[in-house]
Amino acid sequence: DYNLYAAFHLHSVRNRTQTRVMAL
């Protein structure tokens, strides 16, 4: 909402292993 919160989705690849992360 550009004032109070932001939610992000992260797609991470480390050592050929994929991880999905959500952050608020």
PDBML (XML) file of the C-alpha atoms, coordinates in Angstrom:
<?xml version="1.0" encoding="UTF-8" ?>
<PDBx:datablock datablockName="MODEL"
   xmlns:PDBx="http://pdbml.pdb.org/schema/pdbx-v50.xsd"
   xmlns:xsi="http://www.w3.org/2001/XMLSchema-instance"
   xsi:schemaLocation="http://pdbml.pdb.org/schema/pdbx-v50.xsd pdbx-v50.xsd">
   <PDBx:atom_siteCategory>
      <PDBx:atom_site id="1">
         <PDBx:B_iso_or_equiv>0.00</PDBx:B_iso_or_equiv>
         <PDBx:Cartn_x>0.000</PDBx:Cartn_x>
         <PDBx:Cartn_y>0.000</PDBx:Cartn_y>
         <PDBx:Cartn_z>0.000</PDBx:Cartn_z>
         <PDBx:auth_asym_id>A</PDBx:auth_asym_id>
         <PDBx:auth_atom_id>CA</PDBx:auth_atom_id>
         <PDBx:auth_comp_id>ASP</PDBx:auth_comp_id>
         <PDBx:auth_seq_id>1</PDBx:auth_seq_id>
         <PDBx:group_PDB>ATOM</PDBx:group_PDB>
         <PDBx:label_alt_id xsi:nil="true" />
         <PDBx:label_asym_id>A</PDBx:label_asym_id>
         <PDBx:label_atom_id>CA</PDBx:label_atom_id>
         <PDBx:label_comp_id>ASP</PDBx:label_comp_id>
         <PDBx:label_entity_id>1</PDBx:label_entity_id>
         <PDBx:label_seq_id>1</PDBx:label_seq_id>
         <PDBx:occupancy>1.00</PDBx:occupancy>
         <PDBx:pdbx_PDB_model_num>1</PDBx:pdbx_PDB_model_num>
         <PDBx:type_symbol>C</PDBx:type_symbol>
      </PDBx:atom_site>
      <PDBx:atom_site id="2">
         <PDBx:B_iso_or_equiv>0.00</PDBx:B_iso_or_equiv>
         <PDBx:Cartn_x>3.205</PDBx:Cartn_x>
         <PDBx:Cartn_y>2.134</PDBx:Cartn_y>
         <PDBx:Cartn_z>-0.114</PDBx:Cartn_z>
         <PDBx:auth_asym_id>A</PDBx:auth_asym_id>
         <PDBx:auth_atom_id>CA</PDBx:auth_atom_id>
         <PDBx:auth_comp_id>TYR</PDBx:auth_comp_id>
         <PDBx:auth_seq_id>2</PDBx:auth_seq_id>
         <PDBx:group_PDB>ATOM</PDBx:group_PDB>
         <PDBx:label_alt_id xsi:nil="true" />
         <PDBx:label_asym_id>A</PDBx:label_asym_id>
         <PDBx:label_atom_id>CA</PDBx:label_atom_id>
         <PDBx:label_comp_id>TYR</PDBx:label_comp_id>
         <PDBx:label_entity_id>1</PDBx:label_entity_id>
         <PDBx:label_seq_id>2</PDBx:label_seq_id>
         <PDBx:occupancy>1.00</PDBx:occupancy>
         <PDBx:pdbx_PDB_model_num>1</PDBx:pdbx_PDB_model_num>
         <PDBx:type_symbol>C</PDBx:type_symbol>
      </PDBx:atom_site>
      <PDBx:atom_site id="3">
         <PDBx:B_iso_or_equiv>0.00</PDBx:B_iso_or_equiv>
         <PDBx:Cartn_x>2.483</PDBx:Cartn_x>
         <PDBx:Cartn_y>3.437</PDBx:Cartn_y>
         <PDBx:Cartn_z>3.390</PDBx:Cartn_z>
         <PDBx:auth_asym_id>A</PDBx:auth_asym_id>
         <PDBx:auth_atom_id>CA</PDBx:auth_atom_id>
         <PDBx:auth_comp_id>ASN</PDBx:auth_comp_id>
         <PDBx:auth_seq_id>3</PDBx:auth_seq_id>
         <PDBx:group_PDB>ATOM</PDBx:group_PDB>
         <PDBx:label_alt_id xsi:nil="true" />
         <PDBx:label_asym_id>A</PDBx:label_asym_id>
         <PDBx:label_atom_id>CA</PDBx:label_atom_id>
         <PDBx:label_comp_id>ASN</PDBx:label_comp_id>
         <PDBx:label_entity_id>1</PDBx:label_entity_id>
         <PDBx:label_seq_id>3</PDBx:label_seq_id>
         <PDBx:occupancy>1.00</PDBx:occupancy>
         <PDBx:pdbx_PDB_model_num>1</PDBx:pdbx_PDB_model_num>
         <PDBx:type_symbol>C</PDBx:type_symbol>
      </PDBx:atom_site>
      <PDBx:atom_site id="4">
         <PDBx:B_iso_or_equiv>0.00</PDBx:B_iso_or_equiv>
         <PDBx:Cartn_x>2.187</PDBx:Cartn_x>
         <PDBx:Cartn_y>0.608</PDBx:Cartn_y>
         <PDBx:Cartn_z>5.888</PDBx:Cartn_z>
         <PDBx:auth_asym_id>A</PDBx:auth_asym_id>
         <PDBx:auth_atom_id>CA</PDBx:auth_atom_id>
         <PDBx:auth_comp_id>LEU</PDBx:auth_comp_id>
         <PDBx:auth_seq_id>4</PDBx:auth_seq_id>
         <PDBx:group_PDB>ATOM</PDBx:group_PDB>
         <PDBx:label_alt_id xsi:nil="true" />
         <PDBx:label_asym_id>A</PDBx:label_asym_id>
         <PDBx:label_atom_id>CA</PDBx:label_atom_id>
         <PDBx:label_comp_id>LEU</PDBx:label_comp_id>
         <PDBx:label_entity_id>1</PDBx:label_entity_id>
         <PDBx:label_seq_id>4</PDBx:label_seq_id>
         <PDBx:occupancy>1.00</PDBx:occupancy>
         <PDBx:pdbx_PDB_model_num>1</PDBx:pdbx_PDB_model_num>
         <PDBx:type_symbol>C</PDBx:type_symbol>
      </PDBx:atom_site>
      <PDBx:atom_site id="5">
         <PDBx:B_iso_or_equiv>0.00</PDBx:B_iso_or_equiv>
         <PDBx:Cartn_x>3.376</PDBx:Cartn_x>
         <PDBx:Cartn_y>-2.685</PDBx:Cartn_y>
         <PDBx:Cartn_z>4.407</PDBx:Cartn_z>
         <PDBx:auth_asym_id>A</PDBx:auth_asym_id>
         <PDBx:auth_atom_id>CA</PDBx:auth_atom_id>
         <PDBx:auth_comp_id>TYR</PDBx:auth_comp_id>
         <PDBx:auth_seq_id>5</PDBx:auth_seq_id>
         <PDBx:group_PDB>ATOM</PDBx:group_PDB>
         <PDBx:label_alt_id xsi:nil="true" />
         <PDBx:label_asym_id>A</PDBx:label_asym_id>
         <PDBx:label_atom_id>CA</PDBx:label_atom_id>
         <PDBx:label_comp_id>TYR</PDBx:label_comp_id>
         <PDBx:label_entity_id>1</PDBx:label_entity_id>
         <PDBx:label_seq_id>5</PDBx:label_seq_id>
         <PDBx:occupancy>1.00</PDBx:occupancy>
         <PDBx:pdbx_PDB_model_num>1</PDBx:pdbx_PDB_model_num>
         <PDBx:type_symbol>C</PDBx:type_symbol>
      </PDBx:atom_site>
      <PDBx:atom_site id="6">
         <PDBx:B_iso_or_equiv>0.00</PDBx:B_iso_or_equiv>
         <PDBx:Cartn_x>5.022</PDBx:Cartn_x>
         <PDBx:Cartn_y>-4.502</PDBx:Cartn_y>
         <PDBx:Cartn_z>1.518</PDBx:Cartn_z>
         <PDBx:auth_asym_id>A</PDBx:auth_asym_id>
         <PDBx:auth_atom_id>CA</PDBx:auth_atom_id>
         <PDBx:auth_comp_id>ALA</PDBx:auth_comp_id>
         <PDBx:auth_seq_id>6</PDBx:auth_seq_id>
         <PDBx:group_PDB>ATOM</PDBx:group_PDB>
         <PDBx:label_alt_id xsi:nil="true" />
         <PDBx:label_asym_id>A</PDBx:label_asym_id>
         <PDBx:label_atom_id>CA</PDBx:label_atom_id>
         <PDBx:label_comp_id>ALA</PDBx:label_comp_id>
         <PDBx:label_entity_id>1</PDBx:label_entity_id>
         <PDBx:label_seq_id>6</PDBx:label_seq_id>
         <PDBx:occupancy>1.00</PDBx:occupancy>
         <PDBx:pdbx_PDB_model_num>1</PDBx:pdbx_PDB_model_num>
         <PDBx:type_symbol>C</PDBx:type_symbol>
      </PDBx:atom_site>
      <PDBx:atom_site id="7">
         <PDBx:B_iso_or_equiv>0.00</PDBx:B_iso_or_equiv>
         <PDBx:Cartn_x>5.033</PDBx:Cartn_x>
         <PDBx:Cartn_y>-8.203</PDBx:Cartn_y>
         <PDBx:Cartn_z>0.657</PDBx:Cartn_z>
         <PDBx:auth_asym_id>A</PDBx:auth_asym_id>
         <PDBx:auth_atom_id>CA</PDBx:auth_atom_id>
         <PDBx:auth_comp_id>ALA</PDBx:auth_comp_id>
         <PDBx:auth_seq_id>7</PDBx:auth_seq_id>
         <PDBx:group_PDB>ATOM</PDBx:group_PDB>
         <PDBx:label_alt_id xsi:nil="true" />
         <PDBx:label_asym_id>A</PDBx:label_asym_id>
         <PDBx:label_atom_id>CA</PDBx:label_atom_id>
         <PDBx:label_comp_id>ALA</PDBx:label_comp_id>
         <PDBx:label_entity_id>1</PDBx:label_entity_id>
         <PDBx:label_seq_id>7</PDBx:label_seq_id>
         <PDBx:occupancy>1.00</PDBx:occupancy>
         <PDBx:pdbx_PDB_model_num>1</PDBx:pdbx_PDB_model_num>
         <PDBx:type_symbol>C</PDBx:type_symbol>
      </PDBx:atom_site>
      <PDBx:atom_site id="8">
         <PDBx:B_iso_or_equiv>0.00</PDBx:B_iso_or_equiv>
         <PDBx:Cartn_x>7.809</PDBx:Cartn_x>
         <PDBx:Cartn_y>-9.750</PDBx:Cartn_y>
         <PDBx:Cartn_z>-1.436</PDBx:Cartn_z>
         <PDBx:auth_asym_id>A</PDBx:auth_asym_id>
         <PDBx:auth_atom_id>CA</PDBx:auth_atom_id>
         <PDBx:auth_comp_id>PHE</PDBx:auth_comp_id>
         <PDBx:auth_seq_id>8</PDBx:auth_seq_id>
         <PDBx:group_PDB>ATOM</PDBx:group_PDB>
         <PDBx:label_alt_id xsi:nil="true" />
         <PDBx:label_asym_id>A</PDBx:label_asym_id>
         <PDBx:label_atom_id>CA</PDBx:label_atom_id>
         <PDBx:label_comp_id>PHE</PDBx:label_comp_id>
         <PDBx:label_entity_id>1</PDBx:label_entity_id>
         <PDBx:label_seq_id>8</PDBx:label_seq_id>
         <PDBx:occupancy>1.00</PDBx:occupancy>
         <PDBx:pdbx_PDB_model_num>1</PDBx:pdbx_PDB_model_num>
         <PDBx:type_symbol>C</PDBx:type_symbol>
      </PDBx:atom_site>
      <PDBx:atom_site id="9">
         <PDBx:B_iso_or_equiv>0.00</PDBx:B_iso_or_equiv>
         <PDBx:Cartn_x>8.312</PDBx:Cartn_x>
         <PDBx:Cartn_y>-13.100</PDBx:Cartn_y>
         <PDBx:Cartn_z>-3.128</PDBx:Cartn_z>
         <PDBx:auth_asym_id>A</PDBx:auth_asym_id>
         <PDBx:auth_atom_id>CA</PDBx:auth_atom_id>
         <PDBx:auth_comp_id>HIS</PDBx:auth_comp_id>
         <PDBx:auth_seq_id>9</PDBx:auth_seq_id>
         <PDBx:group_PDB>ATOM</PDBx:group_PDB>
         <PDBx:label_alt_id xsi:nil="true" />
         <PDBx:label_asym_id>A</PDBx:label_asym_id>
         <PDBx:label_atom_id>CA</PDBx:label_atom_id>
         <PDBx:label_comp_id>HIS</PDBx:label_comp_id>
         <PDBx:label_entity_id>1</PDBx:label_entity_id>
         <PDBx:label_seq_id>9</PDBx:label_seq_id>
         <PDBx:occupancy>1.00</PDBx:occupancy>
         <PDBx:pdbx_PDB_model_num>1</PDBx:pdbx_PDB_model_num>
         <PDBx:type_symbol>C</PDBx:type_symbol>
      </PDBx:atom_site>
      <PDBx:atom_site id="10">
         <PDBx:B_iso_or_equiv>0.00</PDBx:B_iso_or_equiv>
         <PDBx:Cartn_x>11.927</PDBx:Cartn_x>
         <PDBx:Cartn_y>-14.256</PDBx:Cartn_y>
         <PDBx:Cartn_z>-3.392</PDBx:Cartn_z>
         <PDBx:auth_asym_id>A</PDBx:auth_asym_id>
         <PDBx:auth_atom_id>CA</PDBx:auth_atom_id>
         <PDBx:auth_comp_id>LEU</PDBx:auth_comp_id>
         <PDBx:auth_seq_id>10</PDBx:auth_seq_id>
         <PDBx:group_PDB>ATOM</PDBx:group_PDB>
         <PDBx:label_alt_id xsi:nil="true" />
         <PDBx:label_asym_id>A</PDBx:label_asym_id>
         <PDBx:label_atom_id>CA</PDBx:label_atom_id>
         <PDBx:label_comp_id>LEU</PDBx:label_comp_id>
         <PDBx:label_entity_id>1</PDBx:label_entity_id>
         <PDBx:label_seq_id>10</PDBx:label_seq_id>
         <PDBx:occupancy>1.00</PDBx:occupancy>
         <PDBx:pdbx_PDB_model_num>1</PDBx:pdbx_PDB_model_num>
         <PDBx:type_symbol>C</PDBx:type_symbol>
      </PDBx:atom_site>
      <PDBx:atom_site id="11">
         <PDBx:B_iso_or_equiv>0.00</PDBx:B_iso_or_equiv>
         <PDBx:Cartn_x>13.095</PDBx:Cartn_x>
         <PDBx:Cartn_y>-17.074</PDBx:Cartn_y>
         <PDBx:Cartn_z>-5.635</PDBx:Cartn_z>
         <PDBx:auth_asym_id>A</PDBx:auth_asym_id>
         <PDBx:auth_atom_id>CA</PDBx:auth_atom_id>
         <PDBx:auth_comp_id>HIS</PDBx:auth_comp_id>
         <PDBx:auth_seq_id>11</PDBx:auth_seq_id>
         <PDBx:group_PDB>ATOM</PDBx:group_PDB>
         <PDBx:label_alt_id xsi:nil="true" />
         <PDBx:label_asym_id>A</PDBx:label_asym_id>
         <PDBx:label_atom_id>CA</PDBx:label_atom_id>
         <PDBx:label_comp_id>HIS</PDBx:label_comp_id>
         <PDBx:label_entity_id>1</PDBx:label_entity_id>
         <PDBx:label_seq_id>11</PDBx:label_seq_id>
         <PDBx:occupancy>1.00</PDBx:occupancy>
         <PDBx:pdbx_PDB_model_num>1</PDBx:pdbx_PDB_model_num>
         <PDBx:type_symbol>C</PDBx:type_symbol>
      </PDBx:atom_site>
      <PDBx:atom_site id="12">
         <PDBx:B_iso_or_equiv>0.00</PDBx:B_iso_or_equiv>
         <PDBx:Cartn_x>16.560</PDBx:Cartn_x>
         <PDBx:Cartn_y>-18.086</PDBx:Cartn_y>
         <PDBx:Cartn_z>-4.437</PDBx:Cartn_z>
         <PDBx:auth_asym_id>A</PDBx:auth_asym_id>
         <PDBx:auth_atom_id>CA</PDBx:auth_atom_id>
         <PDBx:auth_comp_id>SER</PDBx:auth_comp_id>
         <PDBx:auth_seq_id>12</PDBx:auth_seq_id>
         <PDBx:group_PDB>ATOM</PDBx:group_PDB>
         <PDBx:label_alt_id xsi:nil="true" />
         <PDBx:label_asym_id>A</PDBx:label_asym_id>
         <PDBx:label_atom_id>CA</PDBx:label_atom_id>
         <PDBx:label_comp_id>SER</PDBx:label_comp_id>
         <PDBx:label_entity_id>1</PDBx:label_entity_id>
         <PDBx:label_seq_id>12</PDBx:label_seq_id>
         <PDBx:occupancy>1.00</PDBx:occupancy>
         <PDBx:pdbx_PDB_model_num>1</PDBx:pdbx_PDB_model_num>
         <PDBx:type_symbol>C</PDBx:type_symbol>
      </PDBx:atom_site>
      <PDBx:atom_site id="13">
         <PDBx:B_iso_or_equiv>0.00</PDBx:B_iso_or_equiv>
         <PDBx:Cartn_x>18.961</PDBx:Cartn_x>
         <PDBx:Cartn_y>-20.501</PDBx:Cartn_y>
         <PDBx:Cartn_z>-6.096</PDBx:Cartn_z>
         <PDBx:auth_asym_id>A</PDBx:auth_asym_id>
         <PDBx:auth_atom_id>CA</PDBx:auth_atom_id>
         <PDBx:auth_comp_id>VAL</PDBx:auth_comp_id>
         <PDBx:auth_seq_id>13</PDBx:auth_seq_id>
         <PDBx:group_PDB>ATOM</PDBx:group_PDB>
         <PDBx:label_alt_id xsi:nil="true" />
         <PDBx:label_asym_id>A</PDBx:label_asym_id>
         <PDBx:label_atom_id>CA</PDBx:label_atom_id>
         <PDBx:label_comp_id>VAL</PDBx:label_comp_id>
         <PDBx:label_entity_id>1</PDBx:label_entity_id>
         <PDBx:label_seq_id>13</PDBx:label_seq_id>
         <PDBx:occupancy>1.00</PDBx:occupancy>
         <PDBx:pdbx_PDB_model_num>1</PDBx:pdbx_PDB_model_num>
         <PDBx:type_symbol>C</PDBx:type_symbol>
      </PDBx:atom_site>
      <PDBx:atom_site id="14">
         <PDBx:B_iso_or_equiv>0.00</PDBx:B_iso_or_equiv>
         <PDBx:Cartn_x>21.978</PDBx:Cartn_x>
         <PDBx:Cartn_y>-21.520</PDBx:Cartn_y>
         <PDBx:Cartn_z>-4.044</PDBx:Cartn_z>
         <PDBx:auth_asym_id>A</PDBx:auth_asym_id>
         <PDBx:auth_atom_id>CA</PDBx:auth_atom_id>
         <PDBx:auth_comp_id>ARG</PDBx:auth_comp_id>
         <PDBx:auth_seq_id>14</PDBx:auth_seq_id>
         <PDBx:group_PDB>ATOM</PDBx:group_PDB>
         <PDBx:label_alt_id xsi:nil="true" />
         <PDBx:label_asym_id>A</PDBx:label_asym_id>
         <PDBx:label_atom_id>CA</PDBx:label_atom_id>
         <PDBx:label_comp_id>ARG</PDBx:label_comp_id>
         <PDBx:label_entity_id>1</PDBx:label_entity_id>
         <PDBx:label_seq_id>14</PDBx:label_seq_id>
         <PDBx:occupancy>1.00</PDBx:occupancy>
         <PDBx:pdbx_PDB_model_num>1</PDBx:pdbx_PDB_model_num>
         <PDBx:type_symbol>C</PDBx:type_symbol>
      </PDBx:atom_site>
      <PDBx:atom_site id="15">
         <PDBx:B_iso_or_equiv>0.00</PDBx:B_iso_or_equiv>
         <PDBx:Cartn_x>24.178</PDBx:Cartn_x>
         <PDBx:Cartn_y>-24.481</PDBx:Cartn_y>
         <PDBx:Cartn_z>-4.898</PDBx:Cartn_z>
         <PDBx:auth_asym_id>A</PDBx:auth_asym_id>
         <PDBx:auth_atom_id>CA</PDBx:auth_atom_id>
         <PDBx:auth_comp_id>ASN</PDBx:auth_comp_id>
         <PDBx:auth_seq_id>15</PDBx:auth_seq_id>
         <PDBx:group_PDB>ATOM</PDBx:group_PDB>
         <PDBx:label_alt_id xsi:nil="true" />
         <PDBx:label_asym_id>A</PDBx:label_asym_id>
         <PDBx:label_atom_id>CA</PDBx:label_atom_id>
         <PDBx:label_comp_id>ASN</PDBx:label_comp_id>
         <PDBx:label_entity_id>1</PDBx:label_entity_id>
         <PDBx:label_seq_id>15</PDBx:label_seq_id>
         <PDBx:occupancy>1.00</PDBx:occupancy>
         <PDBx:pdbx_PDB_model_num>1</PDBx:pdbx_PDB_model_num>
         <PDBx:type_symbol>C</PDBx:type_symbol>
      </PDBx:atom_site>
      <PDBx:atom_site id="16">
         <PDBx:B_iso_or_equiv>0.00</PDBx:B_iso_or_equiv>
         <PDBx:Cartn_x>21.608</PDBx:Cartn_x>
         <PDBx:Cartn_y>-25.510</PDBx:Cartn_y>
         <PDBx:Cartn_z>-7.539</PDBx:Cartn_z>
         <PDBx:auth_asym_id>A</PDBx:auth_asym_id>
         <PDBx:auth_atom_id>CA</PDBx:auth_atom_id>
         <PDBx:auth_comp_id>ARG</PDBx:auth_comp_id>
         <PDBx:auth_seq_id>16</PDBx:auth_seq_id>
         <PDBx:group_PDB>ATOM</PDBx:group_PDB>
         <PDBx:label_alt_id xsi:nil="true" />
         <PDBx:label_asym_id>A</PDBx:label_asym_id>
         <PDBx:label_atom_id>CA</PDBx:label_atom_id>
         <PDBx:label_comp_id>ARG</PDBx:label_comp_id>
         <PDBx:label_entity_id>1</PDBx:label_entity_id>
         <PDBx:label_seq_id>16</PDBx:label_seq_id>
         <PDBx:occupancy>1.00</PDBx:occupancy>
         <PDBx:pdbx_PDB_model_num>1</PDBx:pdbx_PDB_model_num>
         <PDBx:type_symbol>C</PDBx:type_symbol>
      </PDBx:atom_site>
      <PDBx:atom_site id="17">
         <PDBx:B_iso_or_equiv>0.00</PDBx:B_iso_or_equiv>
         <PDBx:Cartn_x>18.903</PDBx:Cartn_x>
         <PDBx:Cartn_y>-25.716</PDBx:Cartn_y>
         <PDBx:Cartn_z>-4.847</PDBx:Cartn_z>
         <PDBx:auth_asym_id>A</PDBx:auth_asym_id>
         <PDBx:auth_atom_id>CA</PDBx:auth_atom_id>
         <PDBx:auth_comp_id>THR</PDBx:auth_comp_id>
         <PDBx:auth_seq_id>17</PDBx:auth_seq_id>
         <PDBx:group_PDB>ATOM</PDBx:group_PDB>
         <PDBx:label_alt_id xsi:nil="true" />
         <PDBx:label_asym_id>A</PDBx:label_asym_id>
         <PDBx:label_atom_id>CA</PDBx:label_atom_id>
         <PDBx:label_comp_id>THR</PDBx:label_comp_id>
         <PDBx:label_entity_id>1</PDBx:label_entity_id>
         <PDBx:label_seq_id>17</PDBx:label_seq_id>
         <PDBx:occupancy>1.00</PDBx:occupancy>
         <PDBx:pdbx_PDB_model_num>1</PDBx:pdbx_PDB_model_num>
         <PDBx:type_symbol>C</PDBx:type_symbol>
      </PDBx:atom_site>
      <PDBx:atom_site id="18">
         <PDBx:B_iso_or_equiv>0.00</PDBx:B_iso_or_equiv>
         <PDBx:Cartn_x>15.797</PDBx:Cartn_x>
         <PDBx:Cartn_y>-23.569</PDBx:Cartn_y>
         <PDBx:Cartn_z>-5.268</PDBx:Cartn_z>
         <PDBx:auth_asym_id>A</PDBx:auth_asym_id>
         <PDBx:auth_atom_id>CA</PDBx:auth_atom_id>
         <PDBx:auth_comp_id>GLN</PDBx:auth_comp_id>
         <PDBx:auth_seq_id>18</PDBx:auth_seq_id>
         <PDBx:group_PDB>ATOM</PDBx:group_PDB>
         <PDBx:label_alt_id xsi:nil="true" />
         <PDBx:label_asym_id>A</PDBx:label_asym_id>
         <PDBx:label_atom_id>CA</PDBx:label_atom_id>
         <PDBx:label_comp_id>GLN</PDBx:label_comp_id>
         <PDBx:label_entity_id>1</PDBx:label_entity_id>
         <PDBx:label_seq_id>18</PDBx:label_seq_id>
         <PDBx:occupancy>1.00</PDBx:occupancy>
         <PDBx:pdbx_PDB_model_num>1</PDBx:pdbx_PDB_model_num>
         <PDBx:type_symbol>C</PDBx:type_symbol>
      </PDBx:atom_site>
      <PDBx:atom_site id="19">
         <PDBx:B_iso_or_equiv>0.00</PDBx:B_iso_or_equiv>
         <PDBx:Cartn_x>13.944</PDBx:Cartn_x>
         <PDBx:Cartn_y>-21.983</PDBx:Cartn_y>
         <PDBx:Cartn_z>-2.366</PDBx:Cartn_z>
         <PDBx:auth_asym_id>A</PDBx:auth_asym_id>
         <PDBx:auth_atom_id>CA</PDBx:auth_atom_id>
         <PDBx:auth_comp_id>THR</PDBx:auth_comp_id>
         <PDBx:auth_seq_id>19</PDBx:auth_seq_id>
         <PDBx:group_PDB>ATOM</PDBx:group_PDB>
         <PDBx:label_alt_id xsi:nil="true" />
         <PDBx:label_asym_id>A</PDBx:label_asym_id>
         <PDBx:label_atom_id>CA</PDBx:label_atom_id>
         <PDBx:label_comp_id>THR</PDBx:label_comp_id>
         <PDBx:label_entity_id>1</PDBx:label_entity_id>
         <PDBx:label_seq_id>19</PDBx:label_seq_id>
         <PDBx:occupancy>1.00</PDBx:occupancy>
         <PDBx:pdbx_PDB_model_num>1</PDBx:pdbx_PDB_model_num>
         <PDBx:type_symbol>C</PDBx:type_symbol>
      </PDBx:atom_site>
      <PDBx:atom_site id="20">
         <PDBx:B_iso_or_equiv>0.00</PDBx:B_iso_or_equiv>
         <PDBx:Cartn_x>10.799</PDBx:Cartn_x>
         <PDBx:Cartn_y>-19.859</PDBx:Cartn_y>
         <PDBx:Cartn_z>-2.461</PDBx:Cartn_z>
         <PDBx:auth_asym_id>A</PDBx:auth_asym_id>
         <PDBx:auth_atom_id>CA</PDBx:auth_atom_id>
         <PDBx:auth_comp_id>ARG</PDBx:auth_comp_id>
         <PDBx:auth_seq_id>20</PDBx:auth_seq_id>
         <PDBx:group_PDB>ATOM</PDBx:group_PDB>
         <PDBx:label_alt_id xsi:nil="true" />
         <PDBx:label_asym_id>A</PDBx:label_asym_id>
         <PDBx:label_atom_id>CA</PDBx:label_atom_id>
         <PDBx:label_comp_id>ARG</PDBx:label_comp_id>
         <PDBx:label_entity_id>1</PDBx:label_entity_id>
         <PDBx:label_seq_id>20</PDBx:label_seq_id>
         <PDBx:occupancy>1.00</PDBx:occupancy>
         <PDBx:pdbx_PDB_model_num>1</PDBx:pdbx_PDB_model_num>
         <PDBx:type_symbol>C</PDBx:type_symbol>
      </PDBx:atom_site>
      <PDBx:atom_site id="21">
         <PDBx:B_iso_or_equiv>0.00</PDBx:B_iso_or_equiv>
         <PDBx:Cartn_x>10.466</PDBx:Cartn_x>
         <PDBx:Cartn_y>-17.219</PDBx:Cartn_y>
         <PDBx:Cartn_z>0.252</PDBx:Cartn_z>
         <PDBx:auth_asym_id>A</PDBx:auth_asym_id>
         <PDBx:auth_atom_id>CA</PDBx:auth_atom_id>
         <PDBx:auth_comp_id>VAL</PDBx:auth_comp_id>
         <PDBx:auth_seq_id>21</PDBx:auth_seq_id>
         <PDBx:group_PDB>ATOM</PDBx:group_PDB>
         <PDBx:label_alt_id xsi:nil="true" />
         <PDBx:label_asym_id>A</PDBx:label_asym_id>
         <PDBx:label_atom_id>CA</PDBx:label_atom_id>
         <PDBx:label_comp_id>VAL</PDBx:label_comp_id>
         <PDBx:label_entity_id>1</PDBx:label_entity_id>
         <PDBx:label_seq_id>21</PDBx:label_seq_id>
         <PDBx:occupancy>1.00</PDBx:occupancy>
         <PDBx:pdbx_PDB_model_num>1</PDBx:pdbx_PDB_model_num>
         <PDBx:type_symbol>C</PDBx:type_symbol>
      </PDBx:atom_site>
      <PDBx:atom_site id="22">
         <PDBx:B_iso_or_equiv>0.00</PDBx:B_iso_or_equiv>
         <PDBx:Cartn_x>7.645</PDBx:Cartn_x>
         <PDBx:Cartn_y>-14.841</PDBx:Cartn_y>
         <PDBx:Cartn_z>1.089</PDBx:Cartn_z>
         <PDBx:auth_asym_id>A</PDBx:auth_asym_id>
         <PDBx:auth_atom_id>CA</PDBx:auth_atom_id>
         <PDBx:auth_comp_id>MET</PDBx:auth_comp_id>
         <PDBx:auth_seq_id>22</PDBx:auth_seq_id>
         <PDBx:group_PDB>ATOM</PDBx:group_PDB>
         <PDBx:label_alt_id xsi:nil="true" />
         <PDBx:label_asym_id>A</PDBx:label_asym_id>
         <PDBx:label_atom_id>CA</PDBx:label_atom_id>
         <PDBx:label_comp_id>MET</PDBx:label_comp_id>
         <PDBx:label_entity_id>1</PDBx:label_entity_id>
         <PDBx:label_seq_id>22</PDBx:label_seq_id>
         <PDBx:occupancy>1.00</PDBx:occupancy>
         <PDBx:pdbx_PDB_model_num>1</PDBx:pdbx_PDB_model_num>
         <PDBx:type_symbol>C</PDBx:type_symbol>
      </PDBx:atom_site>
      <PDBx:atom_site id="23">
         <PDBx:B_iso_or_equiv>0.00</PDBx:B_iso_or_equiv>
         <PDBx:Cartn_x>8.277</PDBx:Cartn_x>
         <PDBx:Cartn_y>-11.854</PDBx:Cartn_y>
         <PDBx:Cartn_z>3.333</PDBx:Cartn_z>
         <PDBx:auth_asym_id>A</PDBx:auth_asym_id>
         <PDBx:auth_atom_id>CA</PDBx:auth_atom_id>
         <PDBx:auth_comp_id>ALA</PDBx:auth_comp_id>
         <PDBx:auth_seq_id>23</PDBx:auth_seq_id>
         <PDBx:group_PDB>ATOM</PDBx:group_PDB>
         <PDBx:label_alt_id xsi:nil="true" />
         <PDBx:label_asym_id>A</PDBx:label_asym_id>
         <PDBx:label_atom_id>CA</PDBx:label_atom_id>
         <PDBx:label_comp_id>ALA</PDBx:label_comp_id>
         <PDBx:label_entity_id>1</PDBx:label_entity_id>
         <PDBx:label_seq_id>23</PDBx:label_seq_id>
         <PDBx:occupancy>1.00</PDBx:occupancy>
         <PDBx:pdbx_PDB_model_num>1</PDBx:pdbx_PDB_model_num>
         <PDBx:type_symbol>C</PDBx:type_symbol>
      </PDBx:atom_site>
      <PDBx:atom_site id="24">
         <PDBx:B_iso_or_equiv>0.00</PDBx:B_iso_or_equiv>
         <PDBx:Cartn_x>5.942</PDBx:Cartn_x>
         <PDBx:Cartn_y>-9.296</PDBx:Cartn_y>
         <PDBx:Cartn_z>4.863</PDBx:Cartn_z>
         <PDBx:auth_asym_id>A</PDBx:auth_asym_id>
         <PDBx:auth_atom_id>CA</PDBx:auth_atom_id>
         <PDBx:auth_comp_id>LEU</PDBx:auth_comp_id>
         <PDBx:auth_seq_id>24</PDBx:auth_seq_id>
         <PDBx:group_PDB>ATOM</PDBx:group_PDB>
         <PDBx:label_alt_id xsi:nil="true" />
         <PDBx:label_asym_id>A</PDBx:label_asym_id>
         <PDBx:label_atom_id>CA</PDBx:label_atom_id>
         <PDBx:label_comp_id>LEU</PDBx:label_comp_id>
         <PDBx:label_entity_id>1</PDBx:label_entity_id>
         <PDBx:label_seq_id>24</PDBx:label_seq_id>
         <PDBx:occupancy>1.00</PDBx:occupancy>
         <PDBx:pdbx_PDB_model_num>1</PDBx:pdbx_PDB_model_num>
         <PDBx:type_symbol>C</PDBx:type_symbol>
      </PDBx:atom_site>
   </PDBx:atom_siteCategory>
</PDBx:datablock>
